[in-house]
Amino acid sequence: MDSTLPNAGSTVRQVSPNTALLENSGVLFLDVRTPAEFEDAHIEGSVLQPLSDLNPHEIQRIAAGKNSCLLICGSGKRAGQAAERLKQSEMPPLSILEGGVQAWEKAGLPLIRGRKMMSLERQVRIAAGTLVLTGALLGYFMNPPWIALSGFVGAGLIFAGITDTCGMGMLLARMPWNNRKPAVVGTSCSCSMPK
């Protein structure tokens, strides 16, 4: 079921995967995940513009002549952040793929597959867990002030949950292994998806 999100002066539609597939004519499919995530699996015809490097002027150029722009990420959260950045720009109407690539795949819709990569969310969980464990072990075996590292990570996770932004995720998104450029970065092909 499609819904809309209220924005200042405009609305950003939440579009289900099946609706996006049916309404793909004249739509820019804009993927805001990392290059590594895009290479792992992406929707045919989508254009990669990572959220960490999102430039409204570049998106305006890419979207010229399009009827609308569908923002795509892994689950829908980063697409919402991209919509916040782009909604003040002179863009065609914006919409978000509800549930992101995960929902697209769950609906049984086609994806272009490349090398399997670890998701950004999983990388954040591994990094946070490693830092907490390291702080606890160093605090116990070496010097008690190291326990502050665990507290710092815990406070960061609470902040991320409250604000729906993750500093560790933004940092990891800029790491070299997440920024290998797949062959199709910044390119678009006409959507030849089945109707």
Protein backbone atom coordinates (compact mmCIF):
# COMPACT_ATOMS: atom_id res chain seq x y z
CA MET A 1 0.00 0.00 0.00
CA ASP A 2 1.37 3.41 -0.96
CA SER A 3 1.38 6.35 1.43
CA THR A 4 2.75 9.85 1.56
CA LEU A 5 5.12 11.54 3.97
CA PRO A 6 4.40 15.21 4.77
CA ASN A 7 7.22 17.60 3.91
CA ALA A 8 7.56 21.35 3.99
CA GLY A 9 5.75 22.46 0.86
CA SER A 10 5.64 19.03 -0.78
CA THR A 11 5.01 15.37 -0.17
CA VAL A 12 7.24 12.42 -0.78
CA ARG A 13 5.32 9.28 -1.71
CA GLN A 14 6.18 5.87 -0.31
CA VAL A 15 5.84 3.52 -3.28
CA SER A 16 5.57 -0.26 -2.96
CA PRO A 17 7.91 -2.36 -5.11
CA ASN A 18 5.08 -3.64 -7.32
CA THR A 19 3.76 -0.10 -7.90
CA ALA A 20 7.31 1.11 -8.72
CA LEU A 21 7.64 -1.70 -11.25
CA LEU A 22 4.33 -0.81 -12.90
CA GLU A 23 4.97 2.96 -12.91
CA ASN A 24 8.61 2.87 -14.11
CA SER A 25 8.15 4.80 -17.36
CA GLY A 26 9.87 8.19 -17.16
CA VAL A 27 11.09 7.54 -13.60
CA LEU A 28 14.68 8.02 -12.48
CA PHE A 29 15.56 5.10 -10.19
CA LEU A 30 18.16 6.74 -7.89
CA ASP A 31 20.03 4.34 -5.60
CA VAL A 32 21.64 6.09 -2.59
CA ARG A 33 23.44 3.06 -1.09
CA THR A 34 27.20 2.54 -1.09
CA PRO A 35 28.92 1.38 -4.29
CA ALA A 36 29.63 -2.00 -2.65
CA GLU A 37 25.93 -2.51 -1.80
CA PHE A 38 24.96 -1.43 -5.31
CA GLU A 39 27.41 -3.89 -6.82
CA ASP A 40 26.01 -6.69 -4.66
CA ALA A 41 22.47 -6.22 -6.00
CA HIS A 42 20.61 -3.37 -7.67
CA ILE A 43 17.49 -2.69 -9.68
CA GLU A 44 18.04 -2.69 -13.43
CA GLY A 45 18.27 0.83 -14.79
CA SER A 46 18.98 2.44 -11.44
CA VAL A 47 21.63 5.14 -11.09
CA LEU A 48 24.04 5.08 -8.16
CA GLN A 49 24.54 8.30 -6.20
CA PRO A 50 25.69 7.39 -2.66
CA LEU A 51 24.01 9.32 0.16
CA SER A 52 27.43 10.30 1.53
CA ASP A 53 28.20 12.15 -1.74
CA LEU A 54 24.67 13.24 -2.69
CA ASN A 55 24.81 16.47 -4.69
CA PRO A 56 21.40 18.04 -5.46
CA HIS A 57 22.76 19.84 -8.54
CA GLU A 58 24.13 16.60 -10.00
CA ILE A 59 20.81 14.87 -9.30
CA GLN A 60 18.95 17.70 -11.05
CA ARG A 61 21.15 17.14 -14.10
CA ILE A 62 20.58 13.38 -14.07
CA ALA A 63 16.82 13.83 -13.52
CA ALA A 64 16.37 16.28 -16.41
CA GLY A 65 13.51 15.11 -18.58
CA LYS A 66 12.22 12.59 -16.04
CA ASN A 67 8.67 12.63 -14.68
CA SER A 68 9.71 11.65 -11.16
CA CYS A 69 12.59 10.35 -9.05
CA LEU A 70 12.34 7.13 -7.04
CA LEU A 71 14.86 7.03 -4.19
CA ILE A 72 16.18 3.57 -3.34
CA CYS A 73 18.27 2.24 -0.47
CA GLY A 74 18.54 -0.99 1.48
CA SER A 75 15.44 -0.66 3.67
CA GLY A 76 14.04 2.86 3.13
CA LYS A 77 15.81 4.90 5.84
CA ARG A 78 18.66 6.36 3.75
CA ALA A 79 16.21 7.10 0.94
CA GLY A 80 14.24 9.19 3.45
CA GLN A 81 17.41 11.09 4.35
CA ALA A 82 18.10 11.65 0.65
CA ALA A 83 14.55 12.97 0.18
CA GLU A 84 15.14 15.48 2.99
CA ARG A 85 18.27 16.73 1.18
CA LEU A 86 16.63 16.87 -2.25
CA LYS A 87 13.12 18.12 -1.52
CA GLN A 88 14.16 21.79 -1.56
CA SER A 89 15.85 21.39 -4.97
CA GLU A 90 14.14 21.88 -8.29
CA MET A 91 13.52 18.20 -8.83
CA PRO A 92 10.75 16.18 -10.39
CA PRO A 93 8.41 14.72 -7.73
CA LEU A 94 10.25 12.51 -5.28
CA SER A 95 9.16 9.11 -4.02
CA ILE A 96 10.78 6.44 -1.85
CA LEU A 97 10.83 2.74 -2.56
CA GLU A 98 9.01 1.39 0.48
CA GLY A 99 11.24 -1.20 2.18
CA GLY A 100 14.07 -0.55 -0.29
CA VAL A 101 15.92 -3.25 -2.18
CA GLN A 102 15.08 -5.73 0.59
CA ALA A 103 11.34 -5.35 -0.10
CA TRP A 104 11.97 -5.43 -3.88
CA GLU A 105 13.75 -8.76 -3.53
CA LYS A 106 11.13 -10.10 -1.09
CA ALA A 107 8.44 -9.29 -3.68
CA GLY A 108 10.30 -11.57 -6.11
CA LEU A 109 11.20 -8.73 -8.49
CA PRO A 110 14.37 -8.90 -10.63
CA LEU A 111 17.73 -7.63 -9.42
CA ILE A 112 21.08 -7.33 -11.16
CA ARG A 113 23.60 -9.32 -9.08
CA GLY A 114 27.31 -8.72 -8.71
CA ARG A 115 29.84 -9.62 -6.06
CA LYS A 116 28.31 -10.40 -2.66
CA MET A 117 29.10 -7.68 -0.12
CA MET A 118 28.41 -7.22 3.58
CA SER A 119 25.58 -4.74 4.26
CA LEU A 120 26.36 -1.44 5.94
CA GLU A 121 24.02 -2.28 8.84
CA ARG A 122 25.92 -5.51 9.47
CA GLN A 123 29.26 -3.67 9.36
CA VAL A 124 27.95 -1.21 11.98
CA ARG A 125 26.88 -4.05 14.28
CA ILE A 126 30.29 -5.74 13.95
CA ALA A 127 32.21 -2.49 14.54
CA ALA A 128 30.08 -1.49 17.55
CA GLY A 129 30.32 -4.94 19.10
CA THR A 130 34.09 -5.04 18.56
CA LEU A 131 34.56 -1.63 20.20
CA VAL A 132 32.35 -2.52 23.19
CA LEU A 133 34.14 -5.83 23.73
CA THR A 134 37.56 -4.18 23.31
CA GLY A 135 36.69 -1.48 25.86
CA ALA A 136 35.40 -4.04 28.35
CA LEU A 137 38.43 -6.34 27.99
CA LEU A 138 40.98 -3.50 28.14
CA GLY A 139 39.16 -2.03 31.14
CA TYR A 140 39.19 -5.34 32.97
CA PHE A 141 42.69 -6.56 32.11
CA MET A 142 44.68 -3.35 31.50
CA ASN A 143 43.27 -0.15 32.92
CA PRO A 144 39.70 0.60 34.16
CA PRO A 145 39.32 3.89 32.22
CA TRP A 146 39.16 1.83 29.00
CA ILE A 147 35.59 0.92 30.00
CA ALA A 148 34.70 4.46 28.84
CA LEU A 149 35.12 3.20 25.25
CA SER A 150 32.18 0.83 25.78
CA GLY A 151 30.15 3.64 27.31
CA PHE A 152 30.97 5.95 24.40
CA VAL A 153 29.81 3.36 21.86
CA GLY A 154 26.64 2.71 23.88
CA ALA A 155 25.88 6.44 23.99
CA GLY A 156 26.44 6.63 20.23
CA LEU A 157 23.98 3.79 19.64
CA ILE A 158 21.37 5.51 21.83
CA PHE A 159 21.90 8.77 19.91
CA ALA A 160 21.60 6.89 16.60
CA GLY A 161 18.34 5.31 17.73
CA ILE A 162 16.83 8.62 18.87
CA THR A 163 17.91 10.70 15.87
CA ASP A 164 17.77 7.95 13.21
CA THR A 165 21.27 8.95 12.09
CA CYS A 166 24.34 6.80 12.60
CA GLY A 167 27.77 8.42 12.73
CA MET A 168 29.48 5.03 12.62
CA GLY A 169 27.41 4.09 9.55
CA MET A 170 28.36 7.35 7.82
CA LEU A 171 32.02 6.73 8.65
CA LEU A 172 31.92 3.13 7.43
CA ALA A 173 30.15 4.20 4.22
CA ARG A 174 33.29 6.21 3.35
CA MET A 175 35.69 3.30 3.87
CA PRO A 176 37.55 2.08 0.74
CA TRP A 177 35.93 -1.37 0.73
CA ASN A 178 32.49 0.30 0.54
CA ASN A 179 33.51 2.66 -2.25
CA ARG A 180 34.83 0.39 -4.95
CA LYS A 181 33.27 1.70 -8.11
CA PRO A 182 31.17 -0.87 -9.95
CA ALA A 183 31.12 -0.65 -13.72
CA VAL A 184 27.63 0.89 -13.73
CA VAL A 185 28.17 3.73 -11.22
CA GLY A 186 26.51 6.96 -12.30
CA THR A 187 25.14 5.41 -15.46
CA SER A 188 21.62 4.66 -16.36
CA CYS A 189 20.05 2.33 -18.81
CA SER A 190 16.44 2.41 -19.87
CA CYS A 191 14.32 0.29 -17.61
CA SER A 192 13.39 -2.80 -19.53
CA MET A 193 11.66 -4.38 -16.57
CA PRO A 194 8.67 -6.58 -17.23
CA LYS A 195 5.29 -4.90 -16.97
